[in-house]
Amino acid sequence: MEYVDGSKFESFVCRWLHRELNWSIRKATHAAHKLPNDWEDQCKKAALQKAYLIKEYDIPASLFINADQTQKTYAPGDKMTWAETGSSQVLVVRAEEKRAFTILVGVTANSDALPFQAVYGGKSSRSLPSQMSPALDEARRIGIELVFSGTDTYWSNHATMHQYVKEILVPHIEKIKQELNLPSDQKTLWSIEVWSVHRSQEFQDWMKENYPHIILDYIPGGCTGVAQPCDVGIQCPLKLLTKQSYHEYVVNEFEKQIKSKKEVLTLDDRLQPLRDSSVQWLVNAYLQ
């Protein structure tokens, strides 16, 4: 909104909030992650172990794979609000958006990205994006897997990890073996987080029985932020790209309503439409 003297309503409000209330744009606060006291020693030992395994088993960069899960909220905000300048505790409305799904990403040491696995909370295929979801065919072409958790949560579990190994990880490994003319017993180094499912005896036994040539390598506990390649270099741009796709979805929805001369603009924030749109977000992020 612009006045005849050229000033704008938004600028006036911002100046007034800062001048009269001493408010400024602030980000929602949360506890900082603490590293273990010996994190450097742990990471050094982990790096030396990786170096030994790679040399001992002659593992190529394309078979040194890191995978990591991240939460993706359906309706992300910027977690910013107006609050008193200098305040140490800042609360933001809807900053703790609970509706989300999990994205499991994988990347090789030579920078090749494996297809994503998206895990949606629910106990049947009805919990997945519908067959009418935008970009569903493109997602299938890329190899993106859309799976339901089989539980009330959207987090990865034994069943979804088994699916990831069988449908995404192993096909990549077999493809690389063929391309590089490697033997069938060629070792792969799979680096994953020290998470309850990953480190469970059940999962380790399943991997040894079915895929003995995949070596499980665990990121040191509490060191994800400094030693997990996907967490350090992949998750941040991934979340940014999916967030941009969500905002594009919102803009497109409002543009449709404006063109149709709708008097009151509304956003359908029901779970199913957002779930359907998430397929396009995944495709956009993977292709970029």
Protein backbone atom coordinates (compact mmCIF):
# COMPACT_ATOMS: atom_id res chain seq x y z
CA MET A 1 0.00 0.00 0.00
CA GLU A 2 1.51 3.35 -1.09
CA TYR A 3 0.49 6.84 -0.03
CA VAL A 4 0.49 9.98 -2.21
CA ASP A 5 3.81 11.14 -0.73
CA GLY A 6 5.45 7.89 -1.85
CA SER A 7 5.71 6.32 1.60
CA LYS A 8 4.52 2.76 2.13
CA PHE A 9 2.34 1.32 4.88
CA GLU A 10 4.74 -1.59 5.53
CA SER A 11 7.69 0.76 5.99
CA PHE A 12 5.67 2.96 8.35
CA VAL A 13 4.64 0.00 10.50
CA CYS A 14 8.20 -1.35 10.66
CA ARG A 15 9.57 2.03 11.74
CA TRP A 16 6.77 2.49 14.29
CA LEU A 17 7.31 -0.97 15.84
CA HIS A 18 11.03 -0.34 16.17
CA ARG A 19 10.71 3.25 17.43
CA GLU A 20 7.77 2.91 19.83
CA LEU A 21 8.05 -0.70 21.03
CA ASN A 22 11.74 -1.38 20.44
CA TRP A 23 10.80 -4.42 18.38
CA SER A 24 12.79 -5.93 15.53
CA ILE A 25 12.57 -9.02 13.34
CA ARG A 26 13.67 -12.02 15.44
CA LYS A 27 14.01 -15.73 14.84
CA ALA A 28 12.37 -18.31 17.10
CA THR A 29 14.79 -19.56 19.74
CA HIS A 30 15.74 -23.15 20.43
CA ALA A 31 18.44 -24.98 22.34
CA ALA A 32 21.78 -25.24 20.58
CA HIS A 33 23.17 -28.69 19.76
CA LYS A 34 26.12 -29.66 21.93
CA LEU A 35 29.01 -31.72 20.61
CA PRO A 36 30.69 -34.38 22.77
CA ASN A 37 33.82 -33.16 24.55
CA ASP A 38 35.95 -35.60 22.55
CA TRP A 39 34.20 -35.07 19.22
CA GLU A 40 37.45 -34.31 17.40
CA ASP A 41 39.03 -37.57 18.54
CA GLN A 42 35.89 -39.52 17.63
CA CYS A 43 35.77 -37.98 14.15
CA LYS A 44 39.48 -38.60 13.60
CA LYS A 45 39.13 -42.28 14.51
CA ALA A 46 36.06 -42.58 12.27
CA ALA A 47 37.93 -41.00 9.34
CA LEU A 48 40.89 -43.36 9.81
CA GLN A 49 38.55 -46.35 9.93
CA LYS A 50 36.91 -45.23 6.68
CA ALA A 51 40.31 -44.77 5.04
CA TYR A 52 41.37 -48.27 6.11
CA LEU A 53 38.20 -49.91 4.78
CA ILE A 54 38.32 -48.02 1.48
CA LYS A 55 41.95 -49.03 0.89
CA GLU A 56 41.63 -52.59 2.21
CA TYR A 57 38.61 -53.42 0.05
CA ASP A 58 39.44 -51.12 -2.87
CA ILE A 59 36.09 -49.32 -2.61
CA PRO A 60 35.47 -46.77 -5.40
CA ALA A 61 34.00 -43.35 -4.60
CA SER A 62 30.68 -44.32 -6.20
CA LEU A 63 30.31 -47.13 -3.65
CA PHE A 64 31.12 -44.99 -0.61
CA ILE A 65 27.60 -43.85 0.25
CA ASN A 66 26.20 -41.66 3.00
CA ALA A 67 22.47 -41.64 3.82
CA ASP A 68 20.51 -39.54 6.27
CA GLN A 69 16.89 -38.81 7.21
CA THR A 70 15.38 -35.37 7.59
CA GLN A 71 11.94 -34.10 8.56
CA LYS A 72 10.01 -32.04 6.01
CA THR A 73 7.06 -30.05 7.30
CA TYR A 74 4.17 -29.56 4.91
CA ALA A 75 3.66 -25.86 5.67
CA PRO A 76 7.05 -24.34 6.53
CA GLY A 77 7.32 -20.75 7.67
CA ASP A 78 10.41 -18.60 8.05
CA LYS A 79 10.22 -18.88 11.88
CA MET A 80 10.53 -15.10 12.13
CA THR A 81 8.39 -12.61 14.05
CA TRP A 82 8.48 -9.19 15.63
CA ALA A 83 9.76 -9.17 19.21
CA GLU A 84 11.56 -6.84 21.57
CA THR A 85 15.10 -6.10 20.43
CA GLY A 86 17.61 -8.08 22.48
CA SER A 87 15.06 -10.58 23.83
CA SER A 88 16.54 -14.03 24.46
CA GLN A 89 13.30 -16.05 24.25
CA VAL A 90 11.19 -15.60 21.11
CA LEU A 91 7.95 -17.49 20.44
CA VAL A 92 6.49 -17.74 16.93
CA VAL A 93 2.92 -18.81 16.16
CA ARG A 94 2.85 -22.12 14.19
CA ALA A 95 6.63 -22.38 14.31
CA GLU A 96 6.18 -25.93 15.61
CA GLU A 97 4.22 -27.24 12.61
CA LYS A 98 3.70 -30.94 13.38
CA ARG A 99 2.42 -32.25 10.05
CA ALA A 100 5.39 -33.60 8.16
CA PHE A 101 6.98 -36.51 6.34
CA THR A 102 10.50 -37.93 6.29
CA ILE A 103 12.93 -37.68 3.38
CA LEU A 104 15.77 -40.20 3.29
CA VAL A 105 18.55 -38.94 1.05
CA GLY A 106 21.71 -40.67 -0.11
CA VAL A 107 24.81 -39.34 -1.82
CA THR A 108 28.05 -40.96 -2.99
CA ALA A 109 31.59 -39.70 -2.44
CA ASN A 110 31.73 -38.68 -6.11
CA SER A 111 28.62 -36.48 -5.66
CA ASP A 112 25.99 -38.70 -7.27
CA ALA A 113 22.59 -38.41 -5.58
CA LEU A 114 20.54 -41.54 -5.02
CA PRO A 115 16.76 -41.25 -5.46
CA PHE A 116 14.91 -40.06 -2.37
CA GLN A 117 12.70 -42.19 -0.20
CA ALA A 118 9.74 -40.25 1.24
CA VAL A 119 8.08 -41.80 4.30
CA TYR A 120 4.49 -40.77 5.08
CA GLY A 121 2.77 -41.54 8.36
CA GLY A 122 -0.02 -44.10 8.06
CA LYS A 123 -0.82 -47.79 7.86
CA SER A 124 -1.86 -48.23 4.23
CA SER A 125 -1.35 -46.85 0.72
CA ARG A 126 -4.19 -44.42 1.42
CA SER A 127 -1.65 -42.46 3.46
CA LEU A 128 0.43 -41.82 0.34
CA PRO A 129 0.07 -39.06 -2.27
CA SER A 130 -2.80 -39.91 -4.61
CA GLN A 131 -2.43 -41.09 -8.19
CA MET A 132 -3.48 -37.59 -9.28
CA SER A 133 -0.45 -35.96 -7.63
CA PRO A 134 1.43 -33.50 -9.84
CA ALA A 135 4.79 -34.85 -11.09
CA LEU A 136 4.03 -38.41 -9.96
CA ASP A 137 5.18 -39.88 -13.29
CA GLU A 138 8.39 -37.85 -13.15
CA ALA A 139 9.03 -39.04 -9.59
CA ARG A 140 8.67 -42.65 -10.72
CA ARG A 141 11.00 -42.05 -13.66
CA ILE A 142 13.66 -40.64 -11.32
CA GLY A 143 13.19 -43.55 -8.93
CA ILE A 144 11.82 -41.62 -5.96
CA GLU A 145 10.09 -44.05 -3.61
CA LEU A 146 6.92 -43.02 -1.76
CA VAL A 147 6.23 -45.37 1.16
CA PHE A 148 3.94 -45.43 4.18
CA SER A 149 5.45 -46.02 7.60
CA GLY A 150 2.94 -48.62 8.76
CA THR A 151 2.63 -46.67 12.02
CA ASP A 152 1.02 -43.47 13.26
CA THR A 153 4.31 -41.56 12.81
CA TYR A 154 6.17 -40.53 9.68
CA TRP A 155 9.61 -41.62 10.87
CA SER A 156 11.71 -44.29 9.20
CA ASN A 157 11.63 -47.72 10.83
CA HIS A 158 12.85 -51.25 10.16
CA ALA A 159 10.30 -51.85 7.40
CA THR A 160 11.00 -48.61 5.54
CA MET A 161 14.77 -49.08 5.89
CA HIS A 162 14.46 -52.56 4.41
CA GLN A 163 12.54 -51.03 1.50
CA TYR A 164 15.22 -48.38 1.02
CA VAL A 165 18.00 -50.94 0.92
CA LYS A 166 16.17 -53.24 -1.51
CA GLU A 167 14.64 -50.63 -3.82
CA ILE A 168 17.18 -47.78 -3.85
CA LEU A 169 20.56 -48.68 -2.31
CA VAL A 170 21.11 -52.13 -3.82
CA PRO A 171 19.97 -51.17 -7.36
CA HIS A 172 22.50 -48.32 -7.27
CA ILE A 173 25.25 -50.68 -6.11
CA GLU A 174 24.48 -53.23 -8.83
CA LYS A 175 24.42 -50.49 -11.46
CA ILE A 176 27.87 -49.26 -10.41
CA LYS A 177 29.27 -52.79 -10.38
CA GLN A 178 28.16 -53.26 -13.98
CA GLU A 179 29.46 -49.87 -15.10
CA LEU A 180 32.89 -50.42 -13.51
CA ASN A 181 33.04 -54.15 -14.28
CA LEU A 182 33.45 -55.00 -10.60
CA PRO A 183 33.13 -58.50 -9.08
CA SER A 184 29.86 -59.59 -7.49
CA ASP A 185 31.44 -59.62 -4.03
CA GLN A 186 32.71 -56.03 -4.31
CA LYS A 187 32.38 -54.23 -0.97
CA THR A 188 30.30 -51.08 -0.45
CA LEU A 189 30.80 -48.68 2.46
CA TRP A 190 27.46 -47.35 3.71
CA SER A 191 27.83 -44.55 6.23
CA ILE A 192 24.75 -43.93 8.39
CA GLU A 193 23.81 -42.32 11.68
CA VAL A 194 24.07 -44.11 15.03
CA TRP A 195 20.30 -44.28 15.34
CA SER A 196 18.32 -46.90 17.25
CA VAL A 197 17.06 -48.68 14.12
CA HIS A 198 20.42 -48.54 12.32
CA ARG A 199 22.42 -49.88 15.25
CA SER A 200 19.85 -52.47 16.36
CA GLN A 201 20.93 -56.09 16.29
CA GLU A 202 17.87 -56.88 14.17
CA PHE A 203 18.93 -54.50 11.40
CA GLN A 204 22.59 -55.52 11.53
CA ASP A 205 21.68 -59.21 11.37
CA TRP A 206 19.31 -58.57 8.45
CA MET A 207 22.03 -56.72 6.54
CA LYS A 208 24.64 -59.43 7.20
CA GLU A 209 22.27 -62.18 6.10
CA ASN A 210 20.98 -60.51 2.95
CA TYR A 211 23.73 -58.07 1.92
CA PRO A 212 27.04 -59.22 3.43
CA HIS A 213 29.05 -57.09 1.00
CA ILE A 214 27.61 -53.83 2.36
CA ILE A 215 29.73 -52.58 5.27
CA LEU A 216 27.82 -50.54 7.84
CA ASP A 217 29.80 -47.50 8.97
CA TYR A 218 28.34 -45.40 11.79
CA ILE A 219 28.75 -41.66 12.23
CA PRO A 220 30.08 -40.97 15.77
CA GLY A 221 27.26 -40.30 18.22
CA GLY A 222 26.39 -36.65 18.70
CA CYS A 223 28.66 -35.62 15.80
CA THR A 224 26.08 -35.53 13.00
CA GLY A 225 26.45 -31.78 12.54
CA VAL A 226 30.19 -32.03 11.84
CA ALA A 227 30.72 -35.56 10.51
CA GLN A 228 27.59 -36.46 8.53
CA PRO A 229 28.10 -35.37 4.88
CA CYS A 230 24.37 -35.36 4.08
CA ASP A 231 23.56 -33.35 7.19
CA VAL A 232 26.35 -30.83 6.59
CA GLY A 233 26.05 -30.34 2.84
CA ILE A 234 22.77 -31.81 1.55
CA GLN A 235 19.94 -31.34 4.04
CA CYS A 236 20.13 -27.54 4.21
CA PRO A 237 19.78 -26.93 0.44
CA LEU A 238 17.21 -29.75 0.24
CA LYS A 239 15.01 -28.09 2.87
CA LEU A 240 15.43 -24.72 1.18
CA LEU A 241 14.42 -26.11 -2.23
CA THR A 242 11.35 -27.91 -0.86
CA LYS A 243 10.39 -24.77 1.07
CA GLN A 244 10.63 -22.72 -2.12
CA SER A 245 8.44 -25.27 -3.90
CA TYR A 246 5.85 -24.99 -1.13
CA HIS A 247 5.81 -21.21 -1.42
CA GLU A 248 5.43 -21.53 -5.19
CA TYR A 249 2.47 -23.84 -4.57
CA VAL A 250 0.87 -21.23 -2.28
CA VAL A 251 1.40 -18.43 -4.82
CA ASN A 252 -0.08 -20.52 -7.64
CA GLU A 253 -3.16 -21.34 -5.55
CA PHE A 254 -3.78 -17.66 -4.78
CA GLU A 255 -3.20 -16.64 -8.41
CA LYS A 256 -5.88 -19.10 -9.52
CA GLN A 257 -8.34 -17.60 -7.05
CA ILE A 258 -7.50 -14.04 -8.08
CA LYS A 259 -8.01 -14.87 -11.77
CA SER A 260 -11.36 -16.46 -10.95
CA LYS A 261 -12.43 -13.20 -9.22
CA LYS A 262 -12.81 -14.89 -5.85
CA GLU A 263 -13.54 -12.27 -3.20
CA VAL A 264 -11.99 -14.04 -0.21
CA LEU A 265 -8.69 -15.83 -0.79
CA THR A 266 -8.24 -19.07 1.14
CA LEU A 267 -5.56 -21.74 1.21
CA ASP A 268 -6.57 -25.37 1.43
CA ASP A 269 -4.22 -26.63 4.14
CA ARG A 270 -5.81 -30.06 4.50
CA LEU A 271 -3.29 -32.88 4.67
CA GLN A 272 -4.17 -34.69 1.42
CA PRO A 273 -3.72 -31.70 -0.94
CA LEU A 274 -0.41 -30.88 0.75
CA ARG A 275 0.64 -34.52 0.57
CA ASP A 276 -0.15 -34.61 -3.16
CA SER A 277 1.85 -31.42 -3.73
CA SER A 278 4.84 -32.85 -1.87
CA VAL A 279 5.67 -35.07 -4.87
CA GLN A 280 6.40 -31.98 -6.97
CA TRP A 281 8.57 -30.58 -4.17
CA LEU A 282 10.64 -33.78 -4.13
CA VAL A 283 11.08 -33.80 -7.90
CA ASN A 284 12.09 -30.13 -7.98
CA ALA A 285 14.66 -30.65 -5.22
CA TYR A 286 16.15 -33.77 -6.80
CA LEU A 287 16.52 -32.26 -10.27
CA GLN A 288 18.25 -29.17 -8.92
